[in-house]
Amino acid sequence: MATRYRFGDSERPHFITFSVVEWIDVFSRECYKEILVESIKFSIANKGLIVHAWVVMPNHVHMIVSAAAGNDLTGIIRDIKKFTSRKITDAIEENTQESRKHWMLWLFRSAASKNSNNHKFQFWQQDNHPIELITKEMIDQRLNYLHQNPVKAGLVWQPADYKYSSGIDYYKQEKGLIEIQLLV
């Protein structure tokens, strides 16, 4: 699918969003969020990903990311999405406790059948909607939006209280689940 949004300079912060097909609330389960978190940590340690802010919502992810010099942000994000797509759909298939297994897998198969890039399942929507953040105002607006997402969704009272976010790093100056480089 063609899009007018493209990654710019990989070393500059980009606000990105990736959403689960059909907006399925896969990340209402802790086990699937953990797969995503571990993949992001791997990409930080091994692929040059720099995470400035992040939040995992029930059906989508927002991040502000860049790449270390010499690394391609487009490729890093592509690899995260490809790996997590496979790992999470496998985890859903194998999860005997998953009450929504057949419904979710049916939707992932249906999405894949409409996209020649996929064979069995399509987990993520195609686009990342990357926006290069070139001003302090853009950065501040996206940081606020990202961290307020769980509050507006009614998941927590305060951004710092949401476990799957960098809110604790920004609002309490404590370490969260993922190592970040603050944008200040």
N, C-alpha and C. Protein backbone atom coordinates (compact mmCIF):
# COMPACT_ATOMS: atom_id res chain seq x y z
N MET A 1 0.83 -1.17 0.00
CA MET A 1 0.00 0.00 0.00
C MET A 1 0.89 1.24 0.00
N ALA A 2 0.70 2.11 -0.94
CA ALA A 2 1.48 3.34 -1.01
C ALA A 2 0.99 4.32 0.04
N THR A 3 1.91 5.10 0.56
CA THR A 3 1.56 6.09 1.56
C THR A 3 2.41 7.33 1.36
N ARG A 4 1.89 8.46 1.77
CA ARG A 4 2.66 9.69 1.65
C ARG A 4 3.60 9.86 2.84
N TYR A 5 3.47 9.03 3.84
CA TYR A 5 4.34 9.09 5.00
C TYR A 5 5.56 8.21 4.79
N ARG A 6 6.73 8.77 5.01
CA ARG A 6 7.98 8.04 4.86
C ARG A 6 8.90 8.42 6.02
N PHE A 7 9.77 7.49 6.37
CA PHE A 7 10.79 7.81 7.35
C PHE A 7 11.76 8.80 6.72
N GLY A 8 12.16 9.78 7.50
CA GLY A 8 13.16 10.74 7.05
C GLY A 8 14.53 10.29 7.53
N ASP A 9 15.29 11.19 8.10
CA ASP A 9 16.61 10.92 8.63
C ASP A 9 16.48 9.96 9.83
N SER A 10 17.04 8.77 9.70
CA SER A 10 16.91 7.74 10.74
C SER A 10 17.44 8.17 12.10
N GLU A 11 18.35 9.13 12.12
CA GLU A 11 18.93 9.58 13.38
C GLU A 11 18.07 10.63 14.09
N ARG A 12 17.02 11.10 13.43
CA ARG A 12 16.11 12.07 14.04
C ARG A 12 14.91 11.32 14.62
N PRO A 13 14.36 11.83 15.72
CA PRO A 13 13.17 11.18 16.31
C PRO A 13 11.98 11.18 15.35
N HIS A 14 11.30 10.05 15.32
CA HIS A 14 10.07 9.88 14.53
C HIS A 14 8.97 9.38 15.45
N PHE A 15 7.80 9.93 15.30
CA PHE A 15 6.61 9.42 15.96
C PHE A 15 6.00 8.39 15.02
N ILE A 16 5.82 7.17 15.52
CA ILE A 16 5.22 6.11 14.70
C ILE A 16 4.07 5.45 15.45
N THR A 17 3.17 4.90 14.69
CA THR A 17 2.04 4.16 15.24
C THR A 17 1.91 2.88 14.44
N PHE A 18 1.80 1.77 15.12
CA PHE A 18 1.38 0.57 14.39
C PHE A 18 0.22 -0.06 15.13
N SER A 19 -0.75 -0.49 14.32
CA SER A 19 -2.02 -0.97 14.84
C SER A 19 -2.27 -2.40 14.40
N VAL A 20 -2.94 -3.13 15.25
CA VAL A 20 -3.34 -4.50 14.93
C VAL A 20 -4.48 -4.43 13.91
N VAL A 21 -4.47 -5.36 12.95
CA VAL A 21 -5.55 -5.38 11.95
C VAL A 21 -6.90 -5.44 12.65
N GLU A 22 -7.87 -4.79 12.04
CA GLU A 22 -9.24 -4.75 12.57
C GLU A 22 -9.31 -4.19 13.99
N TRP A 23 -8.23 -3.57 14.43
CA TRP A 23 -8.15 -2.97 15.77
C TRP A 23 -8.47 -3.99 16.88
N ILE A 24 -8.03 -5.22 16.66
CA ILE A 24 -8.25 -6.28 17.64
C ILE A 24 -7.44 -5.97 18.90
N ASP A 25 -8.05 -6.09 20.04
CA ASP A 25 -7.40 -5.74 21.31
C ASP A 25 -6.53 -6.87 21.86
N VAL A 26 -5.56 -7.27 21.05
CA VAL A 26 -4.65 -8.35 21.41
C VAL A 26 -3.86 -8.01 22.68
N PHE A 27 -3.47 -6.74 22.80
CA PHE A 27 -2.61 -6.36 23.90
C PHE A 27 -3.37 -6.08 25.20
N SER A 28 -4.56 -6.62 25.28
CA SER A 28 -5.25 -6.65 26.57
C SER A 28 -4.70 -7.81 27.41
N ARG A 29 -3.91 -8.68 26.77
CA ARG A 29 -3.28 -9.81 27.46
C ARG A 29 -1.80 -9.50 27.70
N GLU A 30 -1.37 -9.69 28.92
CA GLU A 30 0.02 -9.42 29.33
C GLU A 30 1.03 -10.23 28.52
N CYS A 31 0.73 -11.48 28.25
CA CYS A 31 1.70 -12.35 27.56
C CYS A 31 2.05 -11.83 26.17
N TYR A 32 1.11 -11.21 25.48
CA TYR A 32 1.39 -10.70 24.14
C TYR A 32 2.15 -9.37 24.21
N LYS A 33 1.85 -8.57 25.21
CA LYS A 33 2.61 -7.32 25.40
C LYS A 33 4.07 -7.64 25.68
N GLU A 34 4.32 -8.69 26.44
CA GLU A 34 5.70 -9.06 26.79
C GLU A 34 6.50 -9.46 25.54
N ILE A 35 5.87 -10.11 24.59
CA ILE A 35 6.56 -10.46 23.34
C ILE A 35 7.01 -9.19 22.63
N LEU A 36 6.14 -8.22 22.56
CA LEU A 36 6.47 -6.95 21.91
C LEU A 36 7.60 -6.23 22.65
N VAL A 37 7.50 -6.16 23.98
CA VAL A 37 8.54 -5.49 24.78
C VAL A 37 9.89 -6.16 24.58
N GLU A 38 9.94 -7.48 24.59
CA GLU A 38 11.20 -8.19 24.41
C GLU A 38 11.79 -7.94 23.02
N SER A 39 10.95 -7.85 22.01
CA SER A 39 11.42 -7.56 20.66
C SER A 39 12.01 -6.15 20.57
N ILE A 40 11.39 -5.20 21.22
CA ILE A 40 11.92 -3.83 21.25
C ILE A 40 13.25 -3.81 21.98
N LYS A 41 13.34 -4.50 23.09
CA LYS A 41 14.61 -4.57 23.84
C LYS A 41 15.71 -5.20 22.99
N PHE A 42 15.39 -6.25 22.26
CA PHE A 42 16.35 -6.89 21.37
C PHE A 42 16.84 -5.90 20.31
N SER A 43 15.92 -5.14 19.75
CA SER A 43 16.29 -4.18 18.71
C SER A 43 17.14 -3.05 19.26
N ILE A 44 16.95 -2.69 20.50
CA ILE A 44 17.80 -1.68 21.14
C ILE A 44 19.21 -2.26 21.29
N ALA A 45 19.30 -3.47 21.80
CA ALA A 45 20.60 -4.08 22.09
C ALA A 45 21.37 -4.50 20.84
N ASN A 46 20.66 -4.87 19.78
CA ASN A 46 21.32 -5.50 18.63
C ASN A 46 21.16 -4.81 17.28
N LYS A 47 20.25 -3.87 17.16
CA LYS A 47 19.98 -3.29 15.85
C LYS A 47 20.12 -1.78 15.78
N GLY A 48 20.48 -1.15 16.89
CA GLY A 48 20.67 0.30 16.87
C GLY A 48 19.41 1.11 17.07
N LEU A 49 18.34 0.49 17.55
CA LEU A 49 17.11 1.23 17.83
C LEU A 49 17.31 2.10 19.06
N ILE A 50 16.85 3.32 18.98
CA ILE A 50 16.82 4.23 20.12
C ILE A 50 15.36 4.57 20.37
N VAL A 51 14.89 4.25 21.57
CA VAL A 51 13.51 4.54 21.95
C VAL A 51 13.53 5.77 22.84
N HIS A 52 12.74 6.76 22.46
CA HIS A 52 12.63 7.99 23.25
C HIS A 52 11.35 7.99 24.08
N ALA A 53 10.31 7.34 23.59
CA ALA A 53 9.04 7.23 24.31
C ALA A 53 8.24 6.11 23.66
N TRP A 54 7.35 5.51 24.44
CA TRP A 54 6.56 4.40 23.91
C TRP A 54 5.34 4.15 24.77
N VAL A 55 4.33 3.53 24.18
CA VAL A 55 3.16 3.07 24.91
C VAL A 55 2.53 1.93 24.09
N VAL A 56 2.14 0.89 24.80
CA VAL A 56 1.40 -0.22 24.17
C VAL A 56 -0.03 -0.13 24.66
N MET A 57 -0.92 0.15 23.74
CA MET A 57 -2.35 0.22 24.04
C MET A 57 -2.97 -1.14 23.68
N PRO A 58 -4.22 -1.38 24.01
CA PRO A 58 -4.80 -2.70 23.73
C PRO A 58 -4.75 -3.14 22.26
N ASN A 59 -4.80 -2.19 21.31
CA ASN A 59 -4.82 -2.58 19.91
C ASN A 59 -3.85 -1.81 19.03
N HIS A 60 -2.98 -1.02 19.63
CA HIS A 60 -2.00 -0.27 18.86
C HIS A 60 -0.83 0.15 19.73
N VAL A 61 0.22 0.61 19.07
CA VAL A 61 1.46 1.01 19.74
C VAL A 61 1.86 2.38 19.19
N HIS A 62 2.25 3.27 20.09
CA HIS A 62 2.85 4.55 19.69
C HIS A 62 4.28 4.55 20.20
N MET A 63 5.18 5.06 19.38
CA MET A 63 6.58 5.17 19.80
C MET A 63 7.18 6.44 19.22
N ILE A 64 8.14 6.99 19.93
CA ILE A 64 9.03 7.99 19.37
C ILE A 64 10.39 7.33 19.37
N VAL A 65 10.93 7.13 18.17
CA VAL A 65 12.15 6.35 18.00
C VAL A 65 13.09 7.02 17.00
N SER A 66 14.34 6.64 17.10
CA SER A 66 15.35 7.00 16.10
C SER A 66 16.30 5.82 16.03
N ALA A 67 17.33 5.96 15.20
CA ALA A 67 18.32 4.88 15.07
C ALA A 67 19.71 5.46 15.28
N ALA A 68 20.57 4.65 15.85
CA ALA A 68 21.97 5.04 16.00
C ALA A 68 22.59 5.22 14.62
N ALA A 69 23.63 6.03 14.55
CA ALA A 69 24.30 6.32 13.27
C ALA A 69 24.62 5.02 12.53
N GLY A 70 24.33 5.00 11.25
CA GLY A 70 24.64 3.84 10.41
C GLY A 70 23.56 2.77 10.41
N ASN A 71 22.46 2.99 11.12
CA ASN A 71 21.37 2.01 11.16
C ASN A 71 20.14 2.59 10.47
N ASP A 72 19.34 1.71 9.89
CA ASP A 72 18.17 2.11 9.12
C ASP A 72 16.91 1.91 9.94
N LEU A 73 16.28 3.01 10.32
CA LEU A 73 15.08 2.95 11.15
C LEU A 73 13.95 2.20 10.46
N THR A 74 13.80 2.39 9.17
CA THR A 74 12.76 1.68 8.41
C THR A 74 12.92 0.17 8.56
N GLY A 75 14.14 -0.31 8.39
CA GLY A 75 14.41 -1.74 8.49
C GLY A 75 14.21 -2.28 9.90
N ILE A 76 14.60 -1.49 10.89
CA ILE A 76 14.43 -1.93 12.28
C ILE A 76 12.95 -2.12 12.60
N ILE A 77 12.14 -1.14 12.24
CA ILE A 77 10.69 -1.22 12.52
C ILE A 77 10.06 -2.36 11.73
N ARG A 78 10.47 -2.52 10.48
CA ARG A 78 9.96 -3.64 9.66
C ARG A 78 10.26 -4.97 10.36
N ASP A 79 11.49 -5.12 10.86
CA ASP A 79 11.89 -6.37 11.52
C ASP A 79 11.11 -6.60 12.81
N ILE A 80 10.88 -5.54 13.58
CA ILE A 80 10.09 -5.68 14.82
C ILE A 80 8.68 -6.16 14.47
N LYS A 81 8.07 -5.53 13.48
CA LYS A 81 6.71 -5.91 13.11
C LYS A 81 6.65 -7.33 12.56
N LYS A 82 7.62 -7.69 11.74
CA LYS A 82 7.64 -9.04 11.17
C LYS A 82 7.81 -10.10 12.26
N PHE A 83 8.78 -9.88 13.15
CA PHE A 83 9.06 -10.85 14.21
C PHE A 83 7.87 -10.97 15.17
N THR A 84 7.36 -9.82 15.63
CA THR A 84 6.27 -9.87 16.62
C THR A 84 4.99 -10.43 15.99
N SER A 85 4.78 -10.17 14.73
CA SER A 85 3.61 -10.73 14.06
C SER A 85 3.62 -12.26 14.15
N ARG A 86 4.77 -12.83 13.82
CA ARG A 86 4.90 -14.29 13.84
C ARG A 86 4.82 -14.82 15.28
N LYS A 87 5.58 -14.20 16.19
CA LYS A 87 5.62 -14.70 17.58
C LYS A 87 4.27 -14.58 18.27
N ILE A 88 3.58 -13.48 18.06
CA ILE A 88 2.30 -13.29 18.75
C ILE A 88 1.23 -14.20 18.17
N THR A 89 1.17 -14.36 16.86
CA THR A 89 0.17 -15.27 16.30
C THR A 89 0.47 -16.71 16.72
N ASP A 90 1.74 -17.08 16.80
CA ASP A 90 2.10 -18.41 17.32
C ASP A 90 1.65 -18.56 18.77
N ALA A 91 1.87 -17.52 19.56
CA ALA A 91 1.49 -17.57 20.98
C ALA A 91 -0.02 -17.69 21.13
N ILE A 92 -0.76 -17.01 20.28
CA ILE A 92 -2.22 -17.11 20.32
C ILE A 92 -2.65 -18.53 19.96
N GLU A 93 -2.05 -19.09 18.89
CA GLU A 93 -2.38 -20.46 18.47
C GLU A 93 -2.11 -21.47 19.58
N GLU A 94 -1.02 -21.27 20.32
CA GLU A 94 -0.61 -22.24 21.34
C GLU A 94 -1.24 -22.00 22.71
N ASN A 95 -1.89 -20.88 22.90
CA ASN A 95 -2.43 -20.51 24.20
C ASN A 95 -3.77 -21.22 24.45
N THR A 96 -3.72 -22.24 25.29
CA THR A 96 -4.94 -23.00 25.60
C THR A 96 -5.92 -22.18 26.43
N GLN A 97 -5.46 -21.10 27.04
CA GLN A 97 -6.32 -20.25 27.86
C GLN A 97 -6.97 -19.12 27.05
N GLU A 98 -6.59 -18.98 25.78
CA GLU A 98 -7.07 -17.85 24.97
C GLU A 98 -8.50 -18.11 24.50
N SER A 99 -9.46 -17.42 25.11
CA SER A 99 -10.87 -17.62 24.78
C SER A 99 -11.26 -17.06 23.42
N ARG A 100 -10.45 -16.14 22.89
CA ARG A 100 -10.77 -15.50 21.61
C ARG A 100 -9.90 -16.01 20.46
N LYS A 101 -9.22 -17.12 20.69
CA LYS A 101 -8.25 -17.66 19.73
C LYS A 101 -8.82 -17.80 18.32
N HIS A 102 -9.90 -18.52 18.16
CA HIS A 102 -10.44 -18.82 16.83
C HIS A 102 -10.90 -17.55 16.12
N TRP A 103 -11.52 -16.67 16.86
CA TRP A 103 -11.98 -15.41 16.29
C TRP A 103 -10.80 -14.56 15.82
N MET A 104 -9.77 -14.40 16.65
CA MET A 104 -8.61 -13.59 16.27
C MET A 104 -7.87 -14.19 15.08
N LEU A 105 -7.61 -15.48 15.12
CA LEU A 105 -6.89 -16.11 14.02
C LEU A 105 -7.68 -16.04 12.71
N TRP A 106 -9.00 -16.15 12.81
CA TRP A 106 -9.84 -16.00 11.62
C TRP A 106 -9.68 -14.60 11.02
N LEU A 107 -9.67 -13.58 11.87
CA LEU A 107 -9.49 -12.21 11.38
C LEU A 107 -8.09 -12.00 10.79
N PHE A 108 -7.06 -12.58 11.41
CA PHE A 108 -5.71 -12.46 10.88
C PHE A 108 -5.59 -13.17 9.52
N ARG A 109 -6.23 -14.34 9.38
CA ARG A 109 -6.23 -15.05 8.09
C ARG A 109 -6.98 -14.24 7.03
N SER A 110 -8.09 -13.69 7.42
CA SER A 110 -8.90 -12.89 6.49
C SER A 110 -8.11 -11.69 6.00
N ALA A 111 -7.41 -11.00 6.88
CA ALA A 111 -6.59 -9.85 6.48
C ALA A 111 -5.46 -10.30 5.55
N ALA A 112 -4.86 -11.43 5.83
CA ALA A 112 -3.76 -11.95 4.99
C ALA A 112 -4.26 -12.30 3.60
N SER A 113 -5.46 -12.81 3.49
CA SER A 113 -6.00 -13.21 2.18
C SER A 113 -6.21 -12.01 1.26
N LYS A 114 -6.26 -10.82 1.83
CA LYS A 114 -6.46 -9.60 1.04
C LYS A 114 -5.14 -8.89 0.75
N ASN A 115 -4.03 -9.49 1.17
CA ASN A 115 -2.73 -8.84 1.02
C ASN A 115 -1.72 -9.85 0.51
N SER A 116 -1.22 -9.65 -0.68
CA SER A 116 -0.30 -10.61 -1.29
C SER A 116 1.05 -10.69 -0.58
N ASN A 117 1.34 -9.75 0.31
CA ASN A 117 2.59 -9.78 1.07
C ASN A 117 2.57 -10.81 2.20
N ASN A 118 1.39 -11.32 2.53
CA ASN A 118 1.25 -12.26 3.64
C ASN A 118 0.78 -13.61 3.15
N HIS A 119 1.23 -14.65 3.84
CA HIS A 119 0.85 -16.00 3.44
C HIS A 119 -0.22 -16.57 4.35
N LYS A 120 0.02 -16.57 5.64
CA LYS A 120 -0.89 -17.22 6.57
C LYS A 120 -1.71 -16.20 7.36
N PHE A 121 -1.02 -15.28 8.03
CA PHE A 121 -1.69 -14.29 8.88
C PHE A 121 -1.16 -12.90 8.58
N GLN A 122 -2.00 -11.91 8.79
CA GLN A 122 -1.54 -10.53 8.85
C GLN A 122 -1.94 -10.02 10.22
N PHE A 123 -0.96 -9.68 11.03
CA PHE A 123 -1.20 -9.21 12.39
C PHE A 123 -1.28 -7.68 12.44
N TRP A 124 -0.25 -7.02 11.89
CA TRP A 124 -0.18 -5.56 11.92
C TRP A 124 -0.79 -4.97 10.65
N GLN A 125 -1.39 -3.81 10.78
CA GLN A 125 -1.75 -3.03 9.60
C GLN A 125 -0.47 -2.63 8.89
N GLN A 126 -0.56 -2.37 7.61
CA GLN A 126 0.63 -2.15 6.78
C GLN A 126 1.45 -0.93 7.17
N ASP A 127 0.83 0.18 7.45
CA ASP A 127 1.54 1.45 7.59
C ASP A 127 1.99 1.71 9.03
N ASN A 128 3.05 2.52 9.16
CA ASN A 128 3.54 2.97 10.47
C ASN A 128 3.23 4.43 10.72
N HIS A 129 2.83 5.13 9.66
CA HIS A 129 2.52 6.55 9.73
C HIS A 129 3.65 7.34 10.39
N PRO A 130 4.91 7.20 9.92
CA PRO A 130 6.03 7.89 10.57
C PRO A 130 5.99 9.40 10.34
N ILE A 131 6.22 10.14 11.41
CA ILE A 131 6.30 11.60 11.33
C ILE A 131 7.62 12.02 11.96
N GLU A 132 8.49 12.61 11.15
CA GLU A 132 9.77 13.09 11.66
C GLU A 132 9.51 14.32 12.53
N LEU A 133 10.02 14.29 13.74
CA LEU A 133 9.79 15.38 14.69
C LEU A 133 10.94 16.38 14.59
N ILE A 134 10.66 17.51 14.00
CA ILE A 134 11.73 18.46 13.70
C ILE A 134 11.71 19.71 14.58
N THR A 135 10.66 19.87 15.39
CA THR A 135 10.63 21.02 16.29
C THR A 135 10.33 20.56 17.71
N LYS A 136 10.69 21.40 18.67
CA LYS A 136 10.40 21.09 20.07
C LYS A 136 8.88 21.00 20.29
N GLU A 137 8.13 21.82 19.61
CA GLU A 137 6.67 21.79 19.75
C GLU A 137 6.10 20.45 19.27
N MET A 138 6.63 19.95 18.16
CA MET A 138 6.17 18.65 17.65
C MET A 138 6.50 17.55 18.65
N ILE A 139 7.71 17.59 19.20
CA ILE A 139 8.13 16.58 20.18
C ILE A 139 7.24 16.64 21.41
N ASP A 140 7.04 17.84 21.96
CA ASP A 140 6.23 17.99 23.17
C ASP A 140 4.79 17.53 22.94
N GLN A 141 4.22 17.86 21.79
CA GLN A 141 2.85 17.47 21.49
C GLN A 141 2.72 15.96 21.41
N ARG A 142 3.66 15.29 20.72
CA ARG A 142 3.60 13.83 20.58
C ARG A 142 3.88 13.12 21.90
N LEU A 143 4.82 13.64 22.69
CA LEU A 143 5.08 13.05 24.01
C LEU A 143 3.83 13.10 24.87
N ASN A 144 3.18 14.24 24.90
CA ASN A 144 1.97 14.39 25.70
C ASN A 144 0.87 13.46 25.19
N TYR A 145 0.67 13.43 23.88
CA TYR A 145 -0.36 12.57 23.29
C TYR A 145 -0.10 11.10 23.64
N LEU A 146 1.13 10.67 23.44
CA LEU A 146 1.52 9.29 23.68
C LEU A 146 1.28 8.90 25.15
N HIS A 147 1.75 9.73 26.08
CA HIS A 147 1.64 9.39 27.50
C HIS A 147 0.22 9.55 28.04
N GLN A 148 -0.58 10.40 27.42
CA GLN A 148 -1.97 10.57 27.87
C GLN A 148 -2.90 9.49 27.32
N ASN A 149 -2.46 8.72 26.34
CA ASN A 149 -3.29 7.69 25.72
C ASN A 149 -3.91 6.74 26.75
N PRO A 150 -3.12 6.14 27.65
CA PRO A 150 -3.73 5.22 28.63
C PRO A 150 -4.66 5.92 29.62
N VAL A 151 -4.41 7.19 29.89
CA VAL A 151 -5.27 7.97 30.78
C VAL A 151 -6.61 8.19 30.10
N LYS A 152 -6.57 8.66 28.86
CA LYS A 152 -7.81 8.93 28.11
C LYS A 152 -8.60 7.65 27.86
N ALA A 153 -7.91 6.51 27.78
CA ALA A 153 -8.60 5.23 27.57
C ALA A 153 -9.16 4.67 28.88
N GLY A 154 -8.88 5.34 30.00
CA GLY A 154 -9.39 4.89 31.29
C GLY A 154 -8.62 3.72 31.88
N LEU A 155 -7.40 3.48 31.42
CA LEU A 155 -6.60 2.37 31.93
C LEU A 155 -5.89 2.73 33.23
N VAL A 156 -5.55 4.00 33.40
CA VAL A 156 -4.86 4.49 34.59
C VAL A 156 -5.31 5.92 34.88
N TRP A 157 -5.01 6.39 36.10
CA TRP A 157 -5.31 7.78 36.46
C TRP A 157 -4.22 8.73 35.99
N GLN A 158 -2.96 8.26 36.05
CA GLN A 158 -1.81 9.10 35.74
C GLN A 158 -0.90 8.37 34.74
N PRO A 159 -0.25 9.11 33.82
CA PRO A 159 0.62 8.47 32.82
C PRO A 159 1.73 7.62 33.43
N ALA A 160 2.28 8.03 34.56
CA ALA A 160 3.39 7.29 35.18
C ALA A 160 2.95 5.94 35.74
N ASP A 161 1.65 5.73 35.87
CA ASP A 161 1.15 4.49 36.47
C ASP A 161 0.96 3.36 35.46
N TYR A 162 1.10 3.64 34.17
CA TYR A 162 0.88 2.62 33.17
C TYR A 162 2.17 1.86 32.91
N LYS A 163 2.16 0.57 33.21
CA LYS A 163 3.35 -0.28 33.12
C LYS A 163 3.95 -0.34 31.72
N TYR A 164 3.13 -0.38 30.70
CA TYR A 164 3.62 -0.55 29.33
C TYR A 164 3.73 0.80 28.61
N SER A 165 4.56 1.64 29.21
CA SER A 165 4.74 3.00 28.69
C SER A 165 6.02 3.59 29.28
N SER A 166 6.49 4.64 28.65
CA SER A 166 7.64 5.38 29.19
C SER A 166 7.19 6.49 30.13
N GLY A 167 5.92 6.50 30.50
CA GLY A 167 5.41 7.52 31.41
C GLY A 167 6.20 7.60 32.71
N ILE A 168 6.57 6.47 33.28
CA ILE A 168 7.32 6.46 34.54
C ILE A 168 8.69 7.13 34.36
N ASP A 169 9.30 6.95 33.20
CA ASP A 169 10.60 7.57 32.91
C ASP A 169 10.48 9.09 32.87
N TYR A 170 9.42 9.58 32.27
CA TYR A 170 9.25 11.03 32.08
C TYR A 170 8.64 11.71 33.31
N TYR A 171 7.69 11.08 33.98
CA TYR A 171 6.96 11.75 35.05
C TYR A 171 7.52 11.48 36.44
N LYS A 172 8.21 10.37 36.62
CA LYS A 172 8.78 10.05 37.94
C LYS A 172 10.30 9.91 37.91
N GLN A 173 10.90 10.04 36.74
CA GLN A 173 12.34 9.87 36.56
C GLN A 173 12.82 8.54 37.14
N GLU A 174 12.00 7.50 36.95
CA GLU A 174 12.35 6.14 37.31
C GLU A 174 12.46 5.32 36.03
N LYS A 175 13.10 4.18 36.12
CA LYS A 175 13.29 3.31 34.94
C LYS A 175 12.05 2.46 34.71
N GLY A 176 11.59 2.46 33.45
CA GLY A 176 10.48 1.61 33.06
C GLY A 176 10.99 0.30 32.48
N LEU A 177 10.12 -0.40 31.78
CA LEU A 177 10.46 -1.72 31.23
C LEU A 177 11.48 -1.66 30.10
N ILE A 178 11.48 -0.56 29.35
CA ILE A 178 12.34 -0.42 28.19
C ILE A 178 13.30 0.75 28.42
N GLU A 179 14.57 0.53 28.11
CA GLU A 179 15.56 1.60 28.22
C GLU A 179 15.26 2.68 27.18
N ILE A 180 15.15 3.92 27.66
CA ILE A 180 14.86 5.01 26.73
C ILE A 180 15.91 6.10 26.84
N GLN A 181 15.96 6.93 25.82
CA GLN A 181 16.73 8.15 25.84
C GLN A 181 15.73 9.30 25.85
N LEU A 182 15.67 10.00 26.97
CA LEU A 182 14.69 11.08 27.15
C LEU A 182 14.88 12.16 26.10
N LEU A 183 13.76 12.73 25.70
CA LEU A 183 13.75 13.91 24.83
C LEU A 183 13.40 15.10 25.70
N VAL A 184 14.40 15.90 26.04
CA VAL A 184 14.12 17.08 26.89
C VAL A 184 14.86 18.29 26.37
